[in-house]
């Protein structure tokens, strides 16, 4: 979900690593092509969550992908409401660059200092 938010977001600036990756993704694809896949049916989650090798060898989605990919695209799970993905980054997201306001005070010389 976080990556979808990064790809969909047009208002926030990200730190260099994430900004470069998001830029590459957006140059090579259209942000509307990306969809959310729930963890229960996402093959990437099998390994990233520490599945042991015995379970992984029996994990159909790891070898075949989620079942919905064999169906017509109109039957695929719907993306979460767009309002949930666009511009809803967490306020404390460490990858978002936060703006800093800097005040500059201009000093003028007093006529008596000349």
PDB file of N, CA and C in Angstrom:
ATOM      1  N   UNK A   1       0.826  -1.190   0.000  1.00  0.00           N
ATOM      2  CA  UNK A   1       0.000   0.000   0.000  1.00  0.00           C
ATOM      3  C   UNK A   1       0.871   1.255   0.000  1.00  0.00           C
ATOM      4  N   UNK A   2       1.958   1.218   0.741  1.00  0.00           N
ATOM      5  CA  UNK A   2       2.841   2.379   0.825  1.00  0.00           C
ATOM      6  C   UNK A   2       3.402   2.727  -0.547  1.00  0.00           C
ATOM      7  N   UNK A   3       3.823   1.722  -1.287  1.00  0.00           N
ATOM      8  CA  UNK A   3       4.390   1.979  -2.618  1.00  0.00           C
ATOM      9  C   UNK A   3       3.341   2.578  -3.539  1.00  0.00           C
ATOM     10  N   UNK A   4       2.107   2.097  -3.466  1.00  0.00           N
ATOM     11  CA  UNK A   4       1.035   2.686  -4.282  1.00  0.00           C
ATOM     12  C   UNK A   4       0.851   4.159  -3.937  1.00  0.00           C
ATOM     13  N   UNK A   5       0.940   4.455  -2.666  1.00  0.00           N
ATOM     14  CA  UNK A   5       0.808   5.859  -2.257  1.00  0.00           C
ATOM     15  C   UNK A   5       1.951   6.700  -2.817  1.00  0.00           C
ATOM     16  N   UNK A   6       3.160   6.150  -2.808  1.00  0.00           N
ATOM     17  CA  UNK A   6       4.302   6.877  -3.371  1.00  0.00           C
ATOM     18  C   UNK A   6       4.108   7.112  -4.858  1.00  0.00           C
ATOM     19  N   UNK A   7       3.708   6.068  -5.579  1.00  0.00           N
ATOM     20  CA  UNK A   7       3.545   6.174  -7.031  1.00  0.00           C
ATOM     21  C   UNK A   7       2.424   7.143  -7.392  1.00  0.00           C
ATOM     22  N   UNK A   8       1.344   7.134  -6.621  1.00  0.00           N
ATOM     23  CA  UNK A   8       0.183   7.958  -6.925  1.00  0.00           C
ATOM     24  C   UNK A   8       0.325   9.410  -6.496  1.00  0.00           C
ATOM     25  N   UNK A   9       1.237   9.685  -5.593  1.00  0.00           N
ATOM     26  CA  UNK A   9       1.325  11.013  -4.989  1.00  0.00           C
ATOM     27  C   UNK A   9       2.032  12.011  -5.900  1.00  0.00           C
ATOM     28  N   UNK A  10       1.362  13.135  -6.142  1.00  0.00           N
ATOM     29  CA  UNK A  10       1.930  14.190  -6.980  1.00  0.00           C
ATOM     30  C   UNK A  10       2.344  15.418  -6.176  1.00  0.00           C
ATOM     31  N   UNK A  11       2.115  15.397  -4.886  1.00  0.00           N
ATOM     32  CA  UNK A  11       2.355  16.606  -4.109  1.00  0.00           C
ATOM     33  C   UNK A  11       3.566  16.540  -3.180  1.00  0.00           C
ATOM     34  N   UNK A  12       3.916  15.358  -2.731  1.00  0.00           N
ATOM     35  CA  UNK A  12       5.025  15.241  -1.783  1.00  0.00           C
ATOM     36  C   UNK A  12       6.341  15.009  -2.501  1.00  0.00           C
ATOM     37  N   UNK A  13       7.414  15.432  -1.858  1.00  0.00           N
ATOM     38  CA  UNK A  13       8.766  15.139  -2.346  1.00  0.00           C
ATOM     39  C   UNK A  13       9.355  14.084  -1.433  1.00  0.00           C
ATOM     40  N   UNK A  14      10.120  13.169  -2.037  1.00  0.00           N
ATOM     41  CA  UNK A  14      10.683  12.064  -1.282  1.00  0.00           C
ATOM     42  C   UNK A  14      12.193  12.192  -1.209  1.00  0.00           C
ATOM     43  N   UNK A  15      12.773  11.498  -0.241  1.00  0.00           N
ATOM     44  CA  UNK A  15      14.225  11.442  -0.151  1.00  0.00           C
ATOM     45  C   UNK A  15      14.765  10.734  -1.389  1.00  0.00           C
ATOM     46  N   UNK A  16      16.024  10.921  -1.678  1.00  0.00           N
ATOM     47  CA  UNK A  16      16.639  10.549  -2.950  1.00  0.00           C
ATOM     48  C   UNK A  16      16.355   9.123  -3.403  1.00  0.00           C
ATOM     49  N   UNK A  17      16.583   8.123  -2.562  1.00  0.00           N
ATOM     50  CA  UNK A  17      16.418   6.733  -2.984  1.00  0.00           C
ATOM     51  C   UNK A  17      14.998   6.475  -3.465  1.00  0.00           C
ATOM     52  N   UNK A  18      14.012   6.825  -2.653  1.00  0.00           N
ATOM     53  CA  UNK A  18      12.613   6.595  -3.017  1.00  0.00           C
ATOM     54  C   UNK A  18      12.231   7.469  -4.205  1.00  0.00           C
ATOM     55  N   UNK A  19      12.667   8.712  -4.212  1.00  0.00           N
ATOM     56  CA  UNK A  19      12.347   9.611  -5.324  1.00  0.00           C
ATOM     57  C   UNK A  19      12.851   9.049  -6.650  1.00  0.00           C
ATOM     58  N   UNK A  20      14.063   8.506  -6.661  1.00  0.00           N
ATOM     59  CA  UNK A  20      14.610   7.924  -7.891  1.00  0.00           C
ATOM     60  C   UNK A  20      13.818   6.707  -8.333  1.00  0.00           C
ATOM     61  N   UNK A  21      13.462   5.848  -7.407  1.00  0.00           N
ATOM     62  CA  UNK A  21      12.713   4.644  -7.758  1.00  0.00           C
ATOM     63  C   UNK A  21      11.316   4.996  -8.263  1.00  0.00           C
ATOM     64  N   UNK A  22      10.647   5.898  -7.579  1.00  0.00           N
ATOM     65  CA  UNK A  22       9.310   6.315  -8.009  1.00  0.00           C
ATOM     66  C   UNK A  22       9.387   6.959  -9.389  1.00  0.00           C
ATOM     67  N   UNK A  23      10.398   7.757  -9.611  1.00  0.00           N
ATOM     68  CA  UNK A  23      10.582   8.391 -10.914  1.00  0.00           C
ATOM     69  C   UNK A  23      10.753   7.351 -12.021  1.00  0.00           C
ATOM     70  N   UNK A  24      11.562   6.331 -11.767  1.00  0.00           N
ATOM     71  CA  UNK A  24      11.777   5.266 -12.756  1.00  0.00           C
ATOM     72  C   UNK A  24      10.467   4.528 -13.047  1.00  0.00           C
ATOM     73  N   UNK A  25       9.715   4.229 -12.014  1.00  0.00           N
ATOM     74  CA  UNK A  25       8.434   3.529 -12.175  1.00  0.00           C
ATOM     75  C   UNK A  25       7.477   4.379 -12.996  1.00  0.00           C
ATOM     76  N   UNK A  26       7.403   5.671 -12.682  1.00  0.00           N
ATOM     77  CA  UNK A  26       6.459   6.548 -13.375  1.00  0.00           C
ATOM     78  C   UNK A  26       6.875   6.834 -14.816  1.00  0.00           C
ATOM     79  N   UNK A  27       8.164   6.776 -15.106  1.00  0.00           N
ATOM     80  CA  UNK A  27       8.621   6.943 -16.487  1.00  0.00           C
ATOM     81  C   UNK A  27       8.314   5.710 -17.330  1.00  0.00           C
ATOM     82  N   UNK A  28       8.377   4.532 -16.715  1.00  0.00           N
ATOM     83  CA  UNK A  28       8.210   3.281 -17.453  1.00  0.00           C
ATOM     84  C   UNK A  28       6.762   2.796 -17.497  1.00  0.00           C
ATOM     85  N   UNK A  29       5.926   3.304 -16.604  1.00  0.00           N
ATOM     86  CA  UNK A  29       4.545   2.830 -16.522  1.00  0.00           C
ATOM     87  C   UNK A  29       3.611   3.999 -16.310  1.00  0.00           C
ATOM     88  N   UNK A  30       2.355   3.685 -16.279  1.00  0.00           N
ATOM     89  CA  UNK A  30       1.319   4.660 -15.987  1.00  0.00           C
ATOM     90  C   UNK A  30       0.814   4.351 -14.580  1.00  0.00           C
ATOM     91  N   UNK A  31       0.653   5.344 -13.743  1.00  0.00           N
ATOM     92  CA  UNK A  31       0.280   5.054 -12.353  1.00  0.00           C
ATOM     93  C   UNK A  31      -1.062   4.335 -12.233  1.00  0.00           C
ATOM     94  N   UNK A  32      -1.908   4.448 -13.255  1.00  0.00           N
ATOM     95  CA  UNK A  32      -3.186   3.743 -13.237  1.00  0.00           C
ATOM     96  C   UNK A  32      -3.017   2.241 -13.452  1.00  0.00           C
ATOM     97  N   UNK A  33      -1.846   1.802 -13.896  1.00  0.00           N
ATOM     98  CA  UNK A  33      -1.589   0.375 -14.108  1.00  0.00           C
ATOM     99  C   UNK A  33      -1.360  -0.378 -12.798  1.00  0.00           C
ATOM    100  N   UNK A  34      -1.074   0.330 -11.737  1.00  0.00           N
ATOM    101  CA  UNK A  34      -0.711  -0.294 -10.476  1.00  0.00           C
ATOM    102  C   UNK A  34      -1.945  -0.543  -9.632  1.00  0.00           C
ATOM    103  N   UNK A  35      -1.989  -1.722  -9.021  1.00  0.00           N
ATOM    104  CA  UNK A  35      -3.117  -2.102  -8.175  1.00  0.00           C
ATOM    105  C   UNK A  35      -2.622  -2.716  -6.877  1.00  0.00           C
ATOM    106  N   UNK A  36      -3.464  -2.649  -5.908  1.00  0.00           N
ATOM    107  CA  UNK A  36      -3.182  -3.244  -4.610  1.00  0.00           C
ATOM    108  C   UNK A  36      -3.513  -4.733  -4.660  1.00  0.00           C
ATOM    109  N   UNK A  37      -2.624  -5.554  -4.129  1.00  0.00           N
ATOM    110  CA  UNK A  37      -2.876  -6.986  -3.990  1.00  0.00           C
ATOM    111  C   UNK A  37      -2.734  -7.308  -2.506  1.00  0.00           C
ATOM    112  N   UNK A  38      -3.802  -7.788  -1.916  1.00  0.00           N
ATOM    113  CA  UNK A  38      -3.805  -8.098  -0.482  1.00  0.00           C
ATOM    114  C   UNK A  38      -2.731  -9.122  -0.146  1.00  0.00           C
ATOM    115  N   UNK A  39      -2.150  -9.010   1.007  1.00  0.00           N
ATOM    116  CA  UNK A  39      -1.061  -9.878   1.439  1.00  0.00           C
ATOM    117  C   UNK A  39      -1.373 -11.359   1.355  1.00  0.00           C
ATOM    118  N   UNK A  40      -2.623 -11.748   1.623  1.00  0.00           N
ATOM    119  CA  UNK A  40      -2.987 -13.166   1.605  1.00  0.00           C
ATOM    120  C   UNK A  40      -2.840 -13.786   0.213  1.00  0.00           C
ATOM    121  N   UNK A  41      -2.937 -12.962  -0.829  1.00  0.00           N
ATOM    122  CA  UNK A  41      -2.847 -13.497  -2.194  1.00  0.00           C
ATOM    123  C   UNK A  41      -1.655 -12.915  -2.957  1.00  0.00           C
ATOM    124  N   UNK A  42      -0.753 -12.263  -2.257  1.00  0.00           N
ATOM    125  CA  UNK A  42       0.413 -11.645  -2.887  1.00  0.00           C
ATOM    126  C   UNK A  42       1.623 -12.568  -2.736  1.00  0.00           C
ATOM    127  N   UNK A  43       2.145 -13.108  -3.855  1.00  0.00           N
ATOM    128  CA  UNK A  43       3.279 -14.031  -3.763  1.00  0.00           C
ATOM    129  C   UNK A  43       4.500 -13.424  -3.067  1.00  0.00           C
ATOM    130  N   UNK A  44       4.725 -12.150  -3.226  1.00  0.00           N
ATOM    131  CA  UNK A  44       5.897 -11.516  -2.611  1.00  0.00           C
ATOM    132  C   UNK A  44       5.839 -11.586  -1.094  1.00  0.00           C
ATOM    133  N   UNK A  45       4.643 -11.612  -0.542  1.00  0.00           N
ATOM    134  CA  UNK A  45       4.513 -11.660   0.910  1.00  0.00           C
ATOM    135  C   UNK A  45       4.965 -12.998   1.486  1.00  0.00           C
ATOM    136  N   UNK A  46       4.924 -14.045   0.694  1.00  0.00           N
ATOM    137  CA  UNK A  46       5.301 -15.369   1.199  1.00  0.00           C
ATOM    138  C   UNK A  46       6.720 -15.363   1.759  1.00  0.00           C
ATOM    139  N   UNK A  47       7.662 -14.832   1.008  1.00  0.00           N
ATOM    140  CA  UNK A  47       9.057 -14.815   1.465  1.00  0.00           C
ATOM    141  C   UNK A  47       9.363 -13.627   2.364  1.00  0.00           C
ATOM    142  N   UNK A  48       8.787 -12.479   2.043  1.00  0.00           N
ATOM    143  CA  UNK A  48       9.140 -11.284   2.810  1.00  0.00           C
ATOM    144  C   UNK A  48       8.677 -11.361   4.256  1.00  0.00           C
ATOM    145  N   UNK A  49       7.764 -12.258   4.540  1.00  0.00           N
ATOM    146  CA  UNK A  49       7.273 -12.401   5.915  1.00  0.00           C
ATOM    147  C   UNK A  49       7.881 -13.598   6.640  1.00  0.00           C
ATOM    148  N   UNK A  50       8.933 -14.165   6.061  1.00  0.00           N
ATOM    149  CA  UNK A  50       9.685 -15.193   6.759  1.00  0.00           C
ATOM    150  C   UNK A  50       9.113 -16.590   6.682  1.00  0.00           C
ATOM    151  N   UNK A  51       8.511 -16.956   5.575  1.00  0.00           N
ATOM    152  CA  UNK A  51       7.984 -18.312   5.428  1.00  0.00           C
ATOM    153  C   UNK A  51       9.141 -19.305   5.333  1.00  0.00           C
ATOM    154  N   UNK A  52       9.044 -20.409   6.051  1.00  0.00           N
ATOM    155  CA  UNK A  52      10.124 -21.395   5.986  1.00  0.00           C
ATOM    156  C   UNK A  52      10.053 -22.164   4.665  1.00  0.00           C
ATOM    157  N   UNK A  53      11.120 -22.828   4.303  1.00  0.00           N
ATOM    158  CA  UNK A  53      11.253 -23.466   2.990  1.00  0.00           C
ATOM    159  C   UNK A  53      10.222 -24.576   2.784  1.00  0.00           C
ATOM    160  N   UNK A  54       9.878 -25.307   3.829  1.00  0.00           N
ATOM    161  CA  UNK A  54       8.882 -26.383   3.687  1.00  0.00           C
ATOM    162  C   UNK A  54       7.528 -25.819   3.270  1.00  0.00           C
ATOM    163  N   UNK A  55       7.115 -24.744   3.919  1.00  0.00           N
ATOM    164  CA  UNK A  55       5.835 -24.113   3.571  1.00  0.00           C
ATOM    165  C   UNK A  55       5.921 -23.455   2.191  1.00  0.00           C
ATOM    166  N   UNK A  56       7.049 -22.853   1.885  1.00  0.00           N
ATOM    167  CA  UNK A  56       7.205 -22.185   0.592  1.00  0.00           C
ATOM    168  C   UNK A  56       7.079 -23.180  -0.558  1.00  0.00           C
ATOM    169  N   UNK A  57       7.641 -24.378  -0.386  1.00  0.00           N
ATOM    170  CA  UNK A  57       7.561 -25.400  -1.439  1.00  0.00           C
ATOM    171  C   UNK A  57       6.130 -25.847  -1.701  1.00  0.00           C
ATOM    172  N   UNK A  58       5.250 -25.660  -0.726  1.00  0.00           N
ATOM    173  CA  UNK A  58       3.844 -26.040  -0.873  1.00  0.00           C
ATOM    174  C   UNK A  58       2.948 -24.837  -1.180  1.00  0.00           C
ATOM    175  N   UNK A  59       3.552 -23.686  -1.359  1.00  0.00           N
ATOM    176  CA  UNK A  59       2.808 -22.438  -1.538  1.00  0.00           C
ATOM    177  C   UNK A  59       2.466 -22.232  -3.020  1.00  0.00           C
ATOM    178  N   UNK A  60       1.214 -22.503  -3.386  1.00  0.00           N
ATOM    179  CA  UNK A  60       0.793 -22.378  -4.782  1.00  0.00           C
ATOM    180  C   UNK A  60       0.975 -20.961  -5.333  1.00  0.00           C
ATOM    181  N   UNK A  61       0.644 -19.955  -4.530  1.00  0.00           N
ATOM    182  CA  UNK A  61       0.758 -18.600  -5.096  1.00  0.00           C
ATOM    183  C   UNK A  61       2.202 -18.221  -5.380  1.00  0.00           C
ATOM    184  N   UNK A  62       3.144 -18.836  -4.700  1.00  0.00           N
ATOM    185  CA  UNK A  62       4.553 -18.538  -4.976  1.00  0.00           C
ATOM    186  C   UNK A  62       4.952 -19.037  -6.365  1.00  0.00           C
ATOM    187  N   UNK A  63       4.457 -20.207  -6.736  1.00  0.00           N
ATOM    188  CA  UNK A  63       4.834 -20.817  -8.010  1.00  0.00           C
ATOM    189  C   UNK A  63       3.887 -20.464  -9.161  1.00  0.00           C
ATOM    190  N   UNK A  64       2.628 -20.206  -8.861  1.00  0.00           N
ATOM    191  CA  UNK A  64       1.634 -19.976  -9.913  1.00  0.00           C
ATOM    192  C   UNK A  64       1.089 -18.553  -9.936  1.00  0.00           C
ATOM    193  N   UNK A  65       1.346 -17.797  -8.901  1.00  0.00           N
ATOM    194  CA  UNK A  65       0.767 -16.458  -8.810  1.00  0.00           C
ATOM    195  C   UNK A  65      -0.640 -16.538  -8.246  1.00  0.00           C
ATOM    196  N   UNK A  66      -1.216 -15.392  -7.934  1.00  0.00           N
ATOM    197  CA  UNK A  66      -2.570 -15.398  -7.377  1.00  0.00           C
ATOM    198  C   UNK A  66      -3.576 -15.875  -8.440  1.00  0.00           C
ATOM    199  N   UNK A  67      -4.586 -16.567  -8.005  1.00  0.00           N
ATOM    200  CA  UNK A  67      -5.577 -17.149  -8.902  1.00  0.00           C
ATOM    201  C   UNK A  67      -6.284 -16.146  -9.801  1.00  0.00           C
ATOM    202  N   UNK A  68      -6.492 -14.928  -9.330  1.00  0.00           N
ATOM    203  CA  UNK A  68      -7.244 -13.963 -10.129  1.00  0.00           C
ATOM    204  C   UNK A  68      -6.554 -13.613 -11.449  1.00  0.00           C
ATOM    205  N   UNK A  69      -5.237 -13.851 -11.555  1.00  0.00           N
ATOM    206  CA  UNK A  69      -4.531 -13.529 -12.799  1.00  0.00           C
ATOM    207  C   UNK A  69      -4.998 -14.395 -13.964  1.00  0.00           C
ATOM    208  N   UNK A  70      -5.599 -15.529 -13.672  1.00  0.00           N
ATOM    209  CA  UNK A  70      -6.141 -16.397 -14.717  1.00  0.00           C
ATOM    210  C   UNK A  70      -7.538 -15.992 -15.160  1.00  0.00           C
ATOM    211  N   UNK A  71      -8.101 -15.007 -14.517  1.00  0.00           N
ATOM    212  CA  UNK A  71      -9.453 -14.548 -14.840  1.00  0.00           C
ATOM    213  C   UNK A  71      -9.385 -13.315 -15.742  1.00  0.00           C
ATOM    214  N   UNK A  72     -10.538 -12.942 -16.288  1.00  0.00           N
ATOM    215  CA  UNK A  72     -10.630 -11.701 -17.066  1.00  0.00           C
ATOM    216  C   UNK A  72     -10.281 -10.535 -16.154  1.00  0.00           C
ATOM    217  N   UNK A  73      -9.630  -9.527 -16.702  1.00  0.00           N
ATOM    218  CA  UNK A  73      -9.178  -8.402 -15.883  1.00  0.00           C
ATOM    219  C   UNK A  73     -10.340  -7.719 -15.173  1.00  0.00           C
ATOM    220  N   UNK A  74     -11.495  -7.707 -15.775  1.00  0.00           N
ATOM    221  CA  UNK A  74     -12.657  -7.064 -15.123  1.00  0.00           C
ATOM    222  C   UNK A  74     -13.078  -7.797 -13.850  1.00  0.00           C
ATOM    223  N   UNK A  75     -12.615  -9.059 -13.709  1.00  0.00           N
ATOM    224  CA  UNK A  75     -12.942  -9.860 -12.528  1.00  0.00           C
ATOM    225  C   UNK A  75     -11.896  -9.732 -11.422  1.00  0.00           C
ATOM    226  N   UNK A  76     -10.799  -9.064 -11.703  1.00  0.00           N
ATOM    227  CA  UNK A  76      -9.740  -8.924 -10.710  1.00  0.00           C
ATOM    228  C   UNK A  76     -10.247  -8.125  -9.520  1.00  0.00           C
ATOM    229  N   UNK A  77      -9.627  -8.333  -8.363  1.00  0.00           N
ATOM    230  CA  UNK A  77     -10.022  -7.531  -7.191  1.00  0.00           C
ATOM    231  C   UNK A  77      -9.900  -6.041  -7.504  1.00  0.00           C
ATOM    232  N   UNK A  78     -10.831  -5.293  -7.016  1.00  0.00           N
ATOM    233  CA  UNK A  78     -10.822  -3.846  -7.260  1.00  0.00           C
ATOM    234  C   UNK A  78      -9.776  -3.186  -6.373  1.00  0.00           C
ATOM    235  N   UNK A  79      -9.177  -2.141  -6.922  1.00  0.00           N
ATOM    236  CA  UNK A  79      -8.224  -1.364  -6.143  1.00  0.00           C
ATOM    237  C   UNK A  79      -8.971  -0.708  -4.994  1.00  0.00           C
ATOM    238  N   UNK A  80      -8.278  -0.447  -3.939  1.00  0.00           N
ATOM    239  CA  UNK A  80      -8.905   0.284  -2.844  1.00  0.00           C
ATOM    240  C   UNK A  80      -9.345   1.644  -3.356  1.00  0.00           C
ATOM    241  N   UNK A  81     -10.295   2.224  -2.706  1.00  0.00           N
ATOM    242  CA  UNK A  81     -10.794   3.532  -3.100  1.00  0.00           C
ATOM    243  C   UNK A  81      -9.632   4.473  -3.361  1.00  0.00           C
ATOM    244  N   UNK A  82      -9.662   5.159  -4.485  1.00  0.00           N
ATOM    245  CA  UNK A  82      -8.531   6.015  -4.873  1.00  0.00           C
ATOM    246  C   UNK A  82      -8.218   7.052  -3.810  1.00  0.00           C
ATOM    247  N   UNK A  83      -9.237   7.493  -3.097  1.00  0.00           N
ATOM    248  CA  UNK A  83      -8.991   8.480  -2.041  1.00  0.00           C
ATOM    249  C   UNK A  83      -8.079   7.923  -0.967  1.00  0.00           C
ATOM    250  N   UNK A  84      -8.068   6.603  -0.808  1.00  0.00           N
ATOM    251  CA  UNK A  84      -7.199   5.991   0.193  1.00  0.00           C
ATOM    252  C   UNK A  84      -5.747   5.943  -0.254  1.00  0.00           C
ATOM    253  N   UNK A  85      -5.521   5.942  -1.572  1.00  0.00           N
ATOM    254  CA  UNK A  85      -4.150   5.795  -2.045  1.00  0.00           C
ATOM    255  C   UNK A  85      -3.501   7.114  -2.414  1.00  0.00           C
ATOM    256  N   UNK A  86      -4.256   8.043  -2.946  1.00  0.00           N
ATOM    257  CA  UNK A  86      -3.676   9.292  -3.418  1.00  0.00           C
ATOM    258  C   UNK A  86      -3.582  10.298  -2.282  1.00  0.00           C
ATOM    259  N   UNK A  87      -2.406  10.852  -2.127  1.00  0.00           N
ATOM    260  CA  UNK A  87      -2.169  11.924  -1.158  1.00  0.00           C
ATOM    261  C   UNK A  87      -2.535  11.557   0.275  1.00  0.00           C
ATOM    262  N   UNK A  88      -2.382  10.293   0.633  1.00  0.00           N
ATOM    263  CA  UNK A  88      -2.674   9.909   2.008  1.00  0.00           C
ATOM    264  C   UNK A  88      -1.436   9.301   2.668  1.00  0.00           C
ATOM    265  N   UNK A  89      -0.310   9.901   2.415  1.00  0.00           N
ATOM    266  CA  UNK A  89       0.908   9.442   3.068  1.00  0.00           C
ATOM    267  C   UNK A  89       0.815   9.727   4.559  1.00  0.00           C
ATOM    268  N   UNK A  90       1.422   8.883   5.328  1.00  0.00           N
ATOM    269  CA  UNK A  90       1.422   9.093   6.772  1.00  0.00           C
ATOM    270  C   UNK A  90       2.221  10.355   7.093  1.00  0.00           C
ATOM    271  N   UNK A  91       1.759  11.172   8.015  1.00  0.00           N
ATOM    272  CA  UNK A  91       2.474  12.410   8.332  1.00  0.00           C
ATOM    273  C   UNK A  91       3.898  12.172   8.836  1.00  0.00           C
ATOM    274  N   UNK A  92       4.145  11.012   9.405  1.00  0.00           N
ATOM    275  CA  UNK A  92       5.481  10.721   9.936  1.00  0.00           C
ATOM    276  C   UNK A  92       6.273   9.789   9.016  1.00  0.00           C
ATOM    277  N   UNK A  93       5.857   9.663   7.755  1.00  0.00           N
ATOM    278  CA  UNK A  93       6.557   8.787   6.801  1.00  0.00           C
ATOM    279  C   UNK A  93       7.999   9.261   6.668  1.00  0.00           C
ATOM    280  N   UNK A  94       8.976   8.390   6.965  1.00  0.00           N
ATOM    281  CA  UNK A  94      10.377   8.811   6.940  1.00  0.00           C
ATOM    282  C   UNK A  94      10.910   9.107   5.543  1.00  0.00           C
ATOM    283  N   UNK A  95      10.210   8.684   4.494  1.00  0.00           N
ATOM    284  CA  UNK A  95      10.678   8.922   3.126  1.00  0.00           C
ATOM    285  C   UNK A  95      10.217  10.249   2.555  1.00  0.00           C
ATOM    286  N   UNK A  96       9.296  10.908   3.235  1.00  0.00           N
ATOM    287  CA  UNK A  96       8.779  12.194   2.748  1.00  0.00           C
ATOM    288  C   UNK A  96       9.656  13.322   3.248  1.00  0.00           C
ATOM    289  N   UNK A  97      10.076  14.167   2.309  1.00  0.00           N
ATOM    290  CA  UNK A  97      10.839  15.354   2.694  1.00  0.00           C
ATOM    291  C   UNK A  97       9.859  16.383   3.227  1.00  0.00           C
ATOM    292  N   UNK A  98      10.161  16.881   4.377  1.00  0.00           N
ATOM    293  CA  UNK A  98       9.292  17.894   4.965  1.00  0.00           C
ATOM    294  C   UNK A  98       9.883  19.264   4.687  1.00  0.00           C
ATOM    295  N   UNK A  99       9.009  20.194   4.382  1.00  0.00           N
ATOM    296  CA  UNK A  99       9.500  21.534   4.089  1.00  0.00           C
ATOM    297  C   UNK A  99       9.903  22.231   5.380  1.00  0.00           C
ATOM    298  N   UNK A 100      10.877  23.096   5.251  1.00  0.00           N
ATOM    299  CA  UNK A 100      11.369  23.854   6.391  1.00  0.00           C
ATOM    300  C   UNK A 100      11.233  25.327   6.042  1.00  0.00           C
ATOM    301  N   UNK A 101      10.608  26.051   6.911  1.00  0.00           N
ATOM    302  CA  UNK A 101      10.470  27.492   6.698  1.00  0.00           C
ATOM    303  C   UNK A 101      11.652  28.193   7.353  1.00  0.00           C
ATOM    304  N   UNK A 102      12.289  29.043   6.587  1.00  0.00           N
ATOM    305  CA  UNK A 102      13.432  29.785   7.091  1.00  0.00           C
ATOM    306  C   UNK A 102      13.118  31.269   6.979  1.00  0.00           C
ATOM    307  N   UNK A 103      13.276  31.964   8.059  1.00  0.00           N
ATOM    308  CA  UNK A 103      13.052  33.409   8.046  1.00  0.00           C
ATOM    309  C   UNK A 103      14.396  34.115   7.945  1.00  0.00           C
ATOM    310  N   UNK A 104      14.480  35.062   7.048  1.00  0.00           N
ATOM    311  CA  UNK A 104      15.703  35.835   6.881  1.00  0.00           C
ATOM    312  C   UNK A 104      15.377  37.281   7.209  1.00  0.00           C
ATOM    313  N   UNK A 105      16.158  37.821   8.108  1.00  0.00           N
ATOM    314  CA  UNK A 105      15.935  39.200   8.503  1.00  0.00           C
ATOM    315  C   UNK A 105      17.012  40.064   7.859  1.00  0.00           C
ATOM    316  N   UNK A 106      16.565  41.070   7.162  1.00  0.00           N
ATOM    317  CA  UNK A 106      17.510  41.959   6.504  1.00  0.00           C
ATOM    318  C   UNK A 106      17.883  43.066   7.487  1.00  0.00           C
ATOM    319  N   UNK A 107      19.190  43.230   7.677  1.00  0.00           N
ATOM    320  CA  UNK A 107      19.635  44.282   8.576  1.00  0.00           C
ATOM    321  C   UNK A 107      19.980  45.518   7.759  1.00  0.00           C
ATOM    322  N   UNK A 108      19.586  46.652   8.255  1.00  0.00           N
ATOM    323  CA  UNK A 108      19.948  47.917   7.609  1.00  0.00           C
ATOM    324  C   UNK A 108      20.889  48.665   8.532  1.00  0.00           C
ATOM    325  N   UNK A 109      21.766  49.361   7.929  1.00  0.00           N
ATOM    326  CA  UNK A 109      22.738  50.119   8.723  1.00  0.00           C
ATOM    327  C   UNK A 109      22.104  51.426   9.189  1.00  0.00           C
ATOM    328  N   UNK A 110      22.391  51.739  10.369  1.00  0.00           N
ATOM    329  CA  UNK A 110      21.910  52.982  10.956  1.00  0.00           C
ATOM    330  C   UNK A 110      22.725  54.124  10.368  1.00  0.00           C
ATOM    331  N   UNK A 111      22.083  55.250  10.115  1.00  0.00           N
ATOM    332  CA  UNK A 111      22.763  56.403   9.542  1.00  0.00           C
ATOM    333  C   UNK A 111      23.919  56.856  10.428  1.00  0.00           C
ATOM    334  N   UNK A 112      23.859  56.588  11.718  1.00  0.00           N
ATOM    335  CA  UNK A 112      24.897  57.025  12.642  1.00  0.00           C
ATOM    336  C   UNK A 112      26.127  56.106  12.541  1.00  0.00           C
ATOM    337  N   UNK A 113      25.970  54.881  11.968  1.00  0.00           N
ATOM    338  CA  UNK A 113      27.090  53.955  11.847  1.00  0.00           C
ATOM    339  C   UNK A 113      27.997  54.311  10.684  1.00  0.00           C
ATOM    340  N   UNK A 114      27.595  55.200   9.823  1.00  0.00           N
ATOM    341  CA  UNK A 114      28.385  55.530   8.623  1.00  0.00           C
ATOM    342  C   UNK A 114      29.572  56.398   8.938  1.00  0.00           C
TER     343      UNK A 114
END
